[in-house]
PDB file of N, CA and C in Angstrom:
ATOM      1  N   MET A   1      64.548 -19.948-131.804  1.00  0.00           N
ATOM      2  CA  MET A   1      65.361 -18.758-131.937  1.00  0.00           C
ATOM      3  C   MET A   1      66.708 -19.155-132.543  1.00  0.00           C
ATOM      4  N   ASP A   2      67.218 -18.305-133.413  1.00  0.00           N
ATOM      5  CA  ASP A   2      68.523 -18.557-134.024  1.00  0.00           C
ATOM      6  C   ASP A   2      69.640 -18.408-133.002  1.00  0.00           C
ATOM      7  N   THR A   3      70.803 -18.944-133.340  1.00  0.00           N
ATOM      8  CA  THR A   3      71.988 -18.766-132.506  1.00  0.00           C
ATOM      9  C   THR A   3      73.091 -18.120-133.341  1.00  0.00           C
ATOM     10  N   ILE A   4      74.056 -17.552-132.651  1.00  0.00           N
ATOM     11  CA  ILE A   4      75.193 -16.904-133.297  1.00  0.00           C
ATOM     12  C   ILE A   4      76.433 -17.226-132.473  1.00  0.00           C
ATOM     13  N   LYS A   5      77.573 -17.387-133.147  1.00  0.00           N
ATOM     14  CA  LYS A   5      78.843 -17.586-132.451  1.00  0.00           C
ATOM     15  C   LYS A   5      79.593 -16.262-132.449  1.00  0.00           C
ATOM     16  N   VAL A   6      80.106 -15.888-131.291  1.00  0.00           N
ATOM     17  CA  VAL A   6      80.852 -14.645-131.131  1.00  0.00           C
ATOM     18  C   VAL A   6      82.183 -14.979-130.485  1.00  0.00           C
ATOM     19  N   ILE A   7      83.260 -14.399-131.005  1.00  0.00           N
ATOM     20  CA  ILE A   7      84.581 -14.620-130.415  1.00  0.00           C
ATOM     21  C   ILE A   7      85.043 -13.311-129.784  1.00  0.00           C
ATOM     22  N   ILE A   8      85.362 -13.395-128.493  1.00  0.00           N
ATOM     23  CA  ILE A   8      85.904 -12.261-127.753  1.00  0.00           C
ATOM     24  C   ILE A   8      87.245 -12.708-127.213  1.00  0.00           C
ATOM     25  N   SER A   9      88.299 -11.989-127.612  1.00  0.00           N
ATOM     26  CA  SER A   9      89.679 -12.421-127.354  1.00  0.00           C
ATOM     27  C   SER A   9      89.840 -13.790-127.987  1.00  0.00           C
ATOM     28  N   ASP A  10      90.180 -14.798-127.196  1.00  0.00           N
ATOM     29  CA  ASP A  10      90.356 -16.143-127.746  1.00  0.00           C
ATOM     30  C   ASP A  10      89.210 -17.083-127.369  1.00  0.00           C
ATOM     31  N   LYS A  11      88.154 -16.542-126.786  1.00  0.00           N
ATOM     32  CA  LYS A  11      87.064 -17.391-126.309  1.00  0.00           C
ATOM     33  C   LYS A  11      85.853 -17.281-127.231  1.00  0.00           C
ATOM     34  N   GLU A  12      85.267 -18.436-127.566  1.00  0.00           N
ATOM     35  CA  GLU A  12      84.082 -18.485-128.417  1.00  0.00           C
ATOM     36  C   GLU A  12      82.837 -18.644-127.548  1.00  0.00           C
ATOM     37  N   TYR A  13      81.799 -17.880-127.878  1.00  0.00           N
ATOM     38  CA  TYR A  13      80.529 -17.927-127.151  1.00  0.00           C
ATOM     39  C   TYR A  13      79.416 -18.350-128.107  1.00  0.00           C
ATOM     40  N   ASN A  14      78.486 -19.147-127.616  1.00  0.00           N
ATOM     41  CA  ASN A  14      77.300 -19.570-128.358  1.00  0.00           C
ATOM     42  C   ASN A  14      76.117 -18.796-127.787  1.00  0.00           C
ATOM     43  N   LEU A  15      75.577 -17.890-128.586  1.00  0.00           N
ATOM     44  CA  LEU A  15      74.559 -16.977-128.084  1.00  0.00           C
ATOM     45  C   LEU A  15      73.241 -17.143-128.822  1.00  0.00           C
ATOM     46  N   LEU A  16      72.157 -17.088-128.078  1.00  0.00           N
ATOM     47  CA  LEU A  16      70.845 -16.977-128.695  1.00  0.00           C
ATOM     48  C   LEU A  16      70.782 -15.605-129.352  1.00  0.00           C
ATOM     49  N   TYR A  17      70.140 -15.503-130.505  1.00  0.00           N
ATOM     50  CA  TYR A  17      70.142 -14.276-131.286  1.00  0.00           C
ATOM     51  C   TYR A  17      68.763 -13.623-131.230  1.00  0.00           C
ATOM     52  N   ALA A  18      68.623 -12.619-130.363  1.00  0.00           N
ATOM     53  CA  ALA A  18      67.353 -11.913-130.196  1.00  0.00           C
ATOM     54  C   ALA A  18      67.240 -10.818-131.255  1.00  0.00           C
ATOM     55  N   LYS A  19      66.374 -11.041-132.243  1.00  0.00           N
ATOM     56  CA  LYS A  19      66.202 -10.073-133.335  1.00  0.00           C
ATOM     57  C   LYS A  19      64.872  -9.335-133.230  1.00  0.00           C
ATOM     58  N   THR A  20      63.816 -10.056-132.865  1.00  0.00           N
ATOM     59  CA  THR A  20      62.491  -9.436-132.828  1.00  0.00           C
ATOM     60  C   THR A  20      62.290  -8.705-131.498  1.00  0.00           C
ATOM     61  N   GLU A  21      61.334  -7.796-131.496  1.00  0.00           N
ATOM     62  CA  GLU A  21      61.030  -7.067-130.260  1.00  0.00           C
ATOM     63  C   GLU A  21      60.582  -8.031-129.152  1.00  0.00           C
ATOM     64  N   GLU A  22      59.810  -9.058-129.515  1.00  0.00           N
ATOM     65  CA  GLU A  22      59.348 -10.029-128.527  1.00  0.00           C
ATOM     66  C   GLU A  22      60.526 -10.794-127.925  1.00  0.00           C
ATOM     67  N   GLU A  23      61.465 -11.221-128.763  1.00  0.00           N
ATOM     68  CA  GLU A  23      62.638 -11.938-128.267  1.00  0.00           C
ATOM     69  C   GLU A  23      63.472 -11.044-127.351  1.00  0.00           C
ATOM     70  N   LYS A  24      63.625  -9.789-127.722  1.00  0.00           N
ATOM     71  CA  LYS A  24      64.379  -8.845-126.889  1.00  0.00           C
ATOM     72  C   LYS A  24      63.662  -8.587-125.575  1.00  0.00           C
ATOM     73  N   GLU A  25      62.348  -8.470-125.635  1.00  0.00           N
ATOM     74  CA  GLU A  25      61.563  -8.202-124.436  1.00  0.00           C
ATOM     75  C   GLU A  25      61.634  -9.366-123.450  1.00  0.00           C
ATOM     76  N   ASN A  26      61.555 -10.591-123.956  1.00  0.00           N
ATOM     77  CA  ASN A  26      61.589 -11.773-123.091  1.00  0.00           C
ATOM     78  C   ASN A  26      62.996 -12.088-122.612  1.00  0.00           C
ATOM     79  N   GLY A  27      64.008 -11.805-123.414  1.00  0.00           N
ATOM     80  CA  GLY A  27      65.391 -12.038-123.010  1.00  0.00           C
ATOM     81  C   GLY A  27      65.606 -13.445-122.492  1.00  0.00           C
ATOM     82  N   LEU A  28      66.237 -13.542-121.336  1.00  0.00           N
ATOM     83  CA  LEU A  28      66.541 -14.837-120.717  1.00  0.00           C
ATOM     84  C   LEU A  28      65.703 -15.088-119.461  1.00  0.00           C
ATOM     85  N   LYS A  29      64.549 -14.459-119.369  1.00  0.00           N
ATOM     86  CA  LYS A  29      63.774 -14.545-118.127  1.00  0.00           C
ATOM     87  C   LYS A  29      63.297 -15.952-117.771  1.00  0.00           C
ATOM     88  N   ASP A  30      63.127 -16.836-118.719  1.00  0.00           N
ATOM     89  CA  ASP A  30      62.665 -18.190-118.394  1.00  0.00           C
ATOM     90  C   ASP A  30      63.799 -19.208-118.347  1.00  0.00           C
ATOM     91  N   VAL A  31      65.036 -18.749-118.480  1.00  0.00           N
ATOM     92  CA  VAL A  31      66.198 -19.641-118.463  1.00  0.00           C
ATOM     93  C   VAL A  31      66.637 -19.853-117.019  1.00  0.00           C
ATOM     94  N   GLU A  32      66.800 -21.117-116.625  1.00  0.00           N
ATOM     95  CA  GLU A  32      67.159 -21.419-115.237  1.00  0.00           C
ATOM     96  C   GLU A  32      68.637 -21.722-115.034  1.00  0.00           C
ATOM     97  N   GLU A  33      69.365 -22.030-116.131  1.00  0.00           N
ATOM     98  CA  GLU A  33      70.799 -22.250-116.013  1.00  0.00           C
ATOM     99  C   GLU A  33      71.455 -22.092-117.379  1.00  0.00           C
ATOM    100  N   MET A  34      72.712 -21.660-117.344  1.00  0.00           N
ATOM    101  CA  MET A  34      73.507 -21.510-118.560  1.00  0.00           C
ATOM    102  C   MET A  34      74.948 -21.838-118.214  1.00  0.00           C
ATOM    103  N   VAL A  35      75.682 -22.336-119.202  1.00  0.00           N
ATOM    104  CA  VAL A  35      77.110 -22.563-118.995  1.00  0.00           C
ATOM    105  C   VAL A  35      77.858 -21.289-119.369  1.00  0.00           C
ATOM    106  N   ASP A  36      79.144 -21.228-119.035  1.00  0.00           N
ATOM    107  CA  ASP A  36      79.924 -20.001-119.186  1.00  0.00           C
ATOM    108  C   ASP A  36      80.028 -19.476-120.612  1.00  0.00           C
ATOM    109  N   ASP A  37      79.890 -20.343-121.606  1.00  0.00           N
ATOM    110  CA  ASP A  37      80.039 -19.861-122.986  1.00  0.00           C
ATOM    111  C   ASP A  37      78.692 -19.610-123.667  1.00  0.00           C
ATOM    112  N   GLU A  38      77.616 -19.504-122.897  1.00  0.00           N
ATOM    113  CA  GLU A  38      76.289 -19.257-123.450  1.00  0.00           C
ATOM    114  C   GLU A  38      75.798 -17.871-123.039  1.00  0.00           C
ATOM    115  N   GLY A  39      74.858 -17.351-123.817  1.00  0.00           N
ATOM    116  CA  GLY A  39      74.270 -16.063-123.505  1.00  0.00           C
ATOM    117  C   GLY A  39      73.269 -15.676-124.565  1.00  0.00           C
ATOM    118  N   MET A  40      73.031 -14.373-124.686  1.00  0.00           N
ATOM    119  CA  MET A  40      72.088 -13.865-125.672  1.00  0.00           C
ATOM    120  C   MET A  40      72.665 -12.613-126.306  1.00  0.00           C
ATOM    121  N   PHE A  41      72.502 -12.504-127.629  1.00  0.00           N
ATOM    122  CA  PHE A  41      72.946 -11.368-128.423  1.00  0.00           C
ATOM    123  C   PHE A  41      71.722 -10.559-128.810  1.00  0.00           C
ATOM    124  N   PHE A  42      71.677  -9.292-128.397  1.00  0.00           N
ATOM    125  CA  PHE A  42      70.573  -8.395-128.733  1.00  0.00           C
ATOM    126  C   PHE A  42      71.052  -7.493-129.867  1.00  0.00           C
ATOM    127  N   ASP A  43      70.422  -7.571-131.013  1.00  0.00           N
ATOM    128  CA  ASP A  43      70.885  -6.872-132.210  1.00  0.00           C
ATOM    129  C   ASP A  43      70.160  -5.542-132.381  1.00  0.00           C
ATOM    130  N   TYR A  44      70.896  -4.444-132.258  1.00  0.00           N
ATOM    131  CA  TYR A  44      70.351  -3.105-132.472  1.00  0.00           C
ATOM    132  C   TYR A  44      71.053  -2.401-133.631  1.00  0.00           C
ATOM    133  N   ARG A  45      71.722  -3.154-134.509  1.00  0.00           N
ATOM    134  CA  ARG A  45      72.454  -2.533-135.620  1.00  0.00           C
ATOM    135  C   ARG A  45      71.537  -1.755-136.553  1.00  0.00           C
ATOM    136  N   ASP A  46      70.313  -2.226-136.768  1.00  0.00           N
ATOM    137  CA  ASP A  46      69.380  -1.520-137.641  1.00  0.00           C
ATOM    138  C   ASP A  46      68.583  -0.453-136.893  1.00  0.00           C
ATOM    139  N   ASP A  47      68.749  -0.398-135.583  1.00  0.00           N
ATOM    140  CA  ASP A  47      68.017   0.554-134.747  1.00  0.00           C
ATOM    141  C   ASP A  47      68.886   0.948-133.552  1.00  0.00           C
ATOM    142  N   PRO A  48      70.025   1.633-133.797  1.00  0.00           N
ATOM    143  CA  PRO A  48      70.899   2.019-132.682  1.00  0.00           C
ATOM    144  C   PRO A  48      70.123   2.825-131.639  1.00  0.00           C
ATOM    145  N   GLN A  49      70.427   2.608-130.383  1.00  0.00           N
ATOM    146  CA  GLN A  49      69.698   3.237-129.291  1.00  0.00           C
ATOM    147  C   GLN A  49      70.549   4.335-128.636  1.00  0.00           C
ATOM    148  N   GLU A  50      69.925   5.480-128.406  1.00  0.00           N
ATOM    149  CA  GLU A  50      70.613   6.537-127.677  1.00  0.00           C
ATOM    150  C   GLU A  50      70.838   6.092-126.229  1.00  0.00           C
ATOM    151  N   GLU A  51      69.858   5.369-125.696  1.00  0.00           N
ATOM    152  CA  GLU A  51      69.972   4.822-124.340  1.00  0.00           C
ATOM    153  C   GLU A  51      69.185   3.519-124.302  1.00  0.00           C
ATOM    154  N   ILE A  52      69.735   2.531-123.612  1.00  0.00           N
ATOM    155  CA  ILE A  52      69.036   1.260-123.469  1.00  0.00           C
ATOM    156  C   ILE A  52      69.196   0.777-122.040  1.00  0.00           C
ATOM    157  N   SER A  53      68.140   0.158-121.524  1.00  0.00           N
ATOM    158  CA  SER A  53      68.161  -0.344-120.153  1.00  0.00           C
ATOM    159  C   SER A  53      67.649  -1.774-120.105  1.00  0.00           C
ATOM    160  N   PHE A  54      68.230  -2.543-119.204  1.00  0.00           N
ATOM    161  CA  PHE A  54      67.772  -3.900-118.924  1.00  0.00           C
ATOM    162  C   PHE A  54      67.469  -3.989-117.438  1.00  0.00           C
ATOM    163  N   TRP A  55      66.572  -4.901-117.102  1.00  0.00           N
ATOM    164  CA  TRP A  55      66.364  -5.209-115.696  1.00  0.00           C
ATOM    165  C   TRP A  55      66.237  -6.699-115.551  1.00  0.00           C
ATOM    166  N   MET A  56      66.341  -7.166-114.330  1.00  0.00           N
ATOM    167  CA  MET A  56      66.420  -8.594-114.049  1.00  0.00           C
ATOM    168  C   MET A  56      65.190  -9.088-113.282  1.00  0.00           C
ATOM    169  N   GLN A  57      64.104  -8.358-113.336  1.00  0.00           N
ATOM    170  CA  GLN A  57      62.925  -8.656-112.522  1.00  0.00           C
ATOM    171  C   GLN A  57      62.489 -10.120-112.600  1.00  0.00           C
ATOM    172  N   ASP A  58      62.415 -10.687-113.781  1.00  0.00           N
ATOM    173  CA  ASP A  58      61.934 -12.064-113.934  1.00  0.00           C
ATOM    174  C   ASP A  58      63.052 -13.034-114.318  1.00  0.00           C
ATOM    175  N   THR A  59      64.285 -12.630-114.123  1.00  0.00           N
ATOM    176  CA  THR A  59      65.430 -13.462-114.492  1.00  0.00           C
ATOM    177  C   THR A  59      66.045 -14.043-113.228  1.00  0.00           C
ATOM    178  N   THR A  60      66.196 -15.379-113.190  1.00  0.00           N
ATOM    179  CA  THR A  60      66.618 -16.054-111.959  1.00  0.00           C
ATOM    180  C   THR A  60      68.103 -16.403-111.915  1.00  0.00           C
ATOM    181  N   ILE A  61      68.845 -16.116-112.986  1.00  0.00           N
ATOM    182  CA  ILE A  61      70.281 -16.413-112.993  1.00  0.00           C
ATOM    183  C   ILE A  61      71.059 -15.096-113.114  1.00  0.00           C
ATOM    184  N   PRO A  62      72.233 -15.004-112.504  1.00  0.00           N
ATOM    185  CA  PRO A  62      73.039 -13.789-112.654  1.00  0.00           C
ATOM    186  C   PRO A  62      73.566 -13.687-114.085  1.00  0.00           C
ATOM    187  N   LEU A  63      73.636 -12.469-114.597  1.00  0.00           N
ATOM    188  CA  LEU A  63      74.090 -12.255-115.967  1.00  0.00           C
ATOM    189  C   LEU A  63      75.072 -11.095-116.029  1.00  0.00           C
ATOM    190  N   ASP A  64      76.081 -11.228-116.864  1.00  0.00           N
ATOM    191  CA  ASP A  64      76.924 -10.096-117.230  1.00  0.00           C
ATOM    192  C   ASP A  64      76.347  -9.524-118.515  1.00  0.00           C
ATOM    193  N   ILE A  65      76.117  -8.223-118.533  1.00  0.00           N
ATOM    194  CA  ILE A  65      75.590  -7.573-119.723  1.00  0.00           C
ATOM    195  C   ILE A  65      76.697  -6.700-120.296  1.00  0.00           C
ATOM    196  N   ILE A  66      77.073  -6.999-121.542  1.00  0.00           N
ATOM    197  CA  ILE A  66      78.154  -6.281-122.213  1.00  0.00           C
ATOM    198  C   ILE A  66      77.526  -5.367-123.252  1.00  0.00           C
ATOM    199  N   PHE A  67      77.663  -4.067-123.054  1.00  0.00           N
ATOM    200  CA  PHE A  67      77.128  -3.083-123.984  1.00  0.00           C
ATOM    201  C   PHE A  67      78.225  -2.720-124.985  1.00  0.00           C
ATOM    202  N   VAL A  68      77.894  -2.756-126.276  1.00  0.00           N
ATOM    203  CA  VAL A  68      78.873  -2.519-127.334  1.00  0.00           C
ATOM    204  C   VAL A  68      78.432  -1.334-128.188  1.00  0.00           C
ATOM    205  N   GLY A  69      79.383  -0.476-128.520  1.00  0.00           N
ATOM    206  CA  GLY A  69      79.107   0.701-129.326  1.00  0.00           C
ATOM    207  C   GLY A  69      79.276   0.451-130.813  1.00  0.00           C
ATOM    208  N   LYS A  70      79.029   1.505-131.596  1.00  0.00           N
ATOM    209  CA  LYS A  70      79.014   1.417-133.050  1.00  0.00           C
ATOM    210  C   LYS A  70      80.335   0.926-133.634  1.00  0.00           C
ATOM    211  N   ASP A  71      81.445   1.252-133.019  1.00  0.00           N
ATOM    212  CA  ASP A  71      82.746   0.843-133.544  1.00  0.00           C
ATOM    213  C   ASP A  71      83.234  -0.475-132.941  1.00  0.00           C
ATOM    214  N   ASP A  72      82.306  -1.274-132.419  1.00  0.00           N
ATOM    215  CA  ASP A  72      82.580  -2.587-131.824  1.00  0.00           C
ATOM    216  C   ASP A  72      83.425  -2.523-130.553  1.00  0.00           C
ATOM    217  N   THR A  73      83.479  -1.384-129.907  1.00  0.00           N
ATOM    218  CA  THR A  73      84.191  -1.296-128.632  1.00  0.00           C
ATOM    219  C   THR A  73      83.212  -1.532-127.496  1.00  0.00           C
ATOM    220  N   VAL A  74      83.718  -2.136-126.438  1.00  0.00           N
ATOM    221  CA  VAL A  74      82.898  -2.387-125.262  1.00  0.00           C
ATOM    222  C   VAL A  74      82.699  -1.069-124.518  1.00  0.00           C
ATOM    223  N   LEU A  75      81.446  -0.665-124.350  1.00  0.00           N
ATOM    224  CA  LEU A  75      81.118   0.548-123.620  1.00  0.00           C
ATOM    225  C   LEU A  75      81.144   0.302-122.120  1.00  0.00           C
ATOM    226  N   SER A  76      80.599  -0.843-121.696  1.00  0.00           N
ATOM    227  CA  SER A  76      80.615  -1.209-120.275  1.00  0.00           C
ATOM    228  C   SER A  76      80.208  -2.671-120.124  1.00  0.00           C
ATOM    229  N   VAL A  77      80.580  -3.225-118.983  1.00  0.00           N
ATOM    230  CA  VAL A  77      80.133  -4.556-118.568  1.00  0.00           C
ATOM    231  C   VAL A  77      79.455  -4.352-117.226  1.00  0.00           C
ATOM    232  N   GLN A  78      78.184  -4.763-117.150  1.00  0.00           N
ATOM    233  CA  GLN A  78      77.434  -4.565-115.916  1.00  0.00           C
ATOM    234  C   GLN A  78      76.919  -5.904-115.413  1.00  0.00           C
ATOM    235  N   LYS A  79      76.875  -6.042-114.097  1.00  0.00           N
ATOM    236  CA  LYS A  79      76.434  -7.271-113.442  1.00  0.00           C
ATOM    237  C   LYS A  79      74.934  -7.204-113.184  1.00  0.00           C
ATOM    238  N   GLY A  80      74.200  -8.166-113.748  1.00  0.00           N
ATOM    239  CA  GLY A  80      72.770  -8.262-113.497  1.00  0.00           C
ATOM    240  C   GLY A  80      72.512  -9.181-112.317  1.00  0.00           C
ATOM    241  N   ILE A  81      71.825  -8.663-111.319  1.00  0.00           N
ATOM    242  CA  ILE A  81      71.513  -9.423-110.111  1.00  0.00           C
ATOM    243  C   ILE A  81      70.113 -10.012-110.260  1.00  0.00           C
ATOM    244  N   PRO A  82      69.982 -11.343-110.109  1.00  0.00           N
ATOM    245  CA  PRO A  82      68.686 -11.994-110.310  1.00  0.00           C
ATOM    246  C   PRO A  82      67.561 -11.369-109.493  1.00  0.00           C
ATOM    247  N   LEU A  83      66.402 -11.280-110.137  1.00  0.00           N
ATOM    248  CA  LEU A  83      65.147 -10.880-109.522  1.00  0.00           C
ATOM    249  C   LEU A  83      65.154  -9.476-108.938  1.00  0.00           C
ATOM    250  N   THR A  84      66.012  -8.572-109.452  1.00  0.00           N
ATOM    251  CA  THR A  84      66.009  -7.185-108.994  1.00  0.00           C
ATOM    252  C   THR A  84      65.320  -6.304-110.030  1.00  0.00           C
ATOM    253  N   GLU A  85      64.869  -5.150-109.583  1.00  0.00           N
ATOM    254  CA  GLU A  85      64.216  -4.199-110.472  1.00  0.00           C
ATOM    255  C   GLU A  85      65.116  -3.018-110.803  1.00  0.00           C
ATOM    256  N   ASP A  86      66.394  -3.102-110.433  1.00  0.00           N
ATOM    257  CA  ASP A  86      67.346  -2.049-110.772  1.00  0.00           C
ATOM    258  C   ASP A  86      67.626  -2.084-112.269  1.00  0.00           C
ATOM    259  N   TYR A  87      67.719  -0.927-112.876  1.00  0.00           N
ATOM    260  CA  TYR A  87      68.006  -0.843-114.303  1.00  0.00           C
ATOM    261  C   TYR A  87      69.508  -0.807-114.551  1.00  0.00           C
ATOM    262  N   LEU A  88      69.936  -1.529-115.569  1.00  0.00           N
ATOM    263  CA  LEU A  88      71.306  -1.481-116.057  1.00  0.00           C
ATOM    264  C   LEU A  88      71.232  -0.692-117.361  1.00  0.00           C
ATOM    265  N   THR A  89      71.832   0.483-117.401  1.00  0.00           N
ATOM    266  CA  THR A  89      71.637   1.421-118.504  1.00  0.00           C
ATOM    267  C   THR A  89      72.962   1.818-119.131  1.00  0.00           C
ATOM    268  N   GLU A  90      72.930   2.016-120.450  1.00  0.00           N
ATOM    269  CA  GLU A  90      74.105   2.499-121.187  1.00  0.00           C
ATOM    270  C   GLU A  90      73.603   3.371-122.326  1.00  0.00           C
ATOM    271  N   HIS A  91      74.474   4.226-122.842  1.00  0.00           N
ATOM    272  CA  HIS A  91      74.141   5.159-123.919  1.00  0.00           C
ATOM    273  C   HIS A  91      74.849   4.755-125.211  1.00  0.00           C
ATOM    274  N   ASP A  92      74.257   5.120-126.347  1.00  0.00           N
ATOM    275  CA  ASP A  92      74.831   4.895-127.683  1.00  0.00           C
ATOM    276  C   ASP A  92      75.148   3.440-127.966  1.00  0.00           C
ATOM    277  N   VAL A  93      74.202   2.573-127.644  1.00  0.00           N
ATOM    278  CA  VAL A  93      74.393   1.121-127.811  1.00  0.00           C
ATOM    279  C   VAL A  93      74.098   0.721-129.251  1.00  0.00           C
ATOM    280  N   TYR A  94      74.969  -0.113-129.784  1.00  0.00           N
ATOM    281  CA  TYR A  94      74.834  -0.638-131.142  1.00  0.00           C
ATOM    282  C   TYR A  94      74.314  -2.069-131.093  1.00  0.00           C
ATOM    283  N   TYR A  95      74.913  -2.883-130.270  1.00  0.00           N
ATOM    284  CA  TYR A  95      74.415  -4.226-129.982  1.00  0.00           C
ATOM    285  C   TYR A  95      75.021  -4.710-128.683  1.00  0.00           C
ATOM    286  N   LEU A  96      74.495  -5.791-128.150  1.00  0.00           N
ATOM    287  CA  LEU A  96      75.026  -6.379-126.938  1.00  0.00           C
ATOM    288  C   LEU A  96      74.671  -7.835-126.895  1.00  0.00           C
TER     289      LEU A  96
END
């Protein structure tokens, strides 16, 4: 899988770049540990979503999910709790 560097404020993040439906579907479910500057970028620029949801059913590490809108503003930051089936949902998502 490709990687992408993203800068938020003054901090640089190294993110796996989920482009395909399979990569988006699998997400980080098989990852057992990550450092603070790592994560995953889900690209919906070519397919903006009216509503998108994530769940943590098969994910064993806690995750912050940052939903971003079309104008690159943060819509919300939600805490993903490992191994839960609760949905984390946001509207008008461009990428995250």
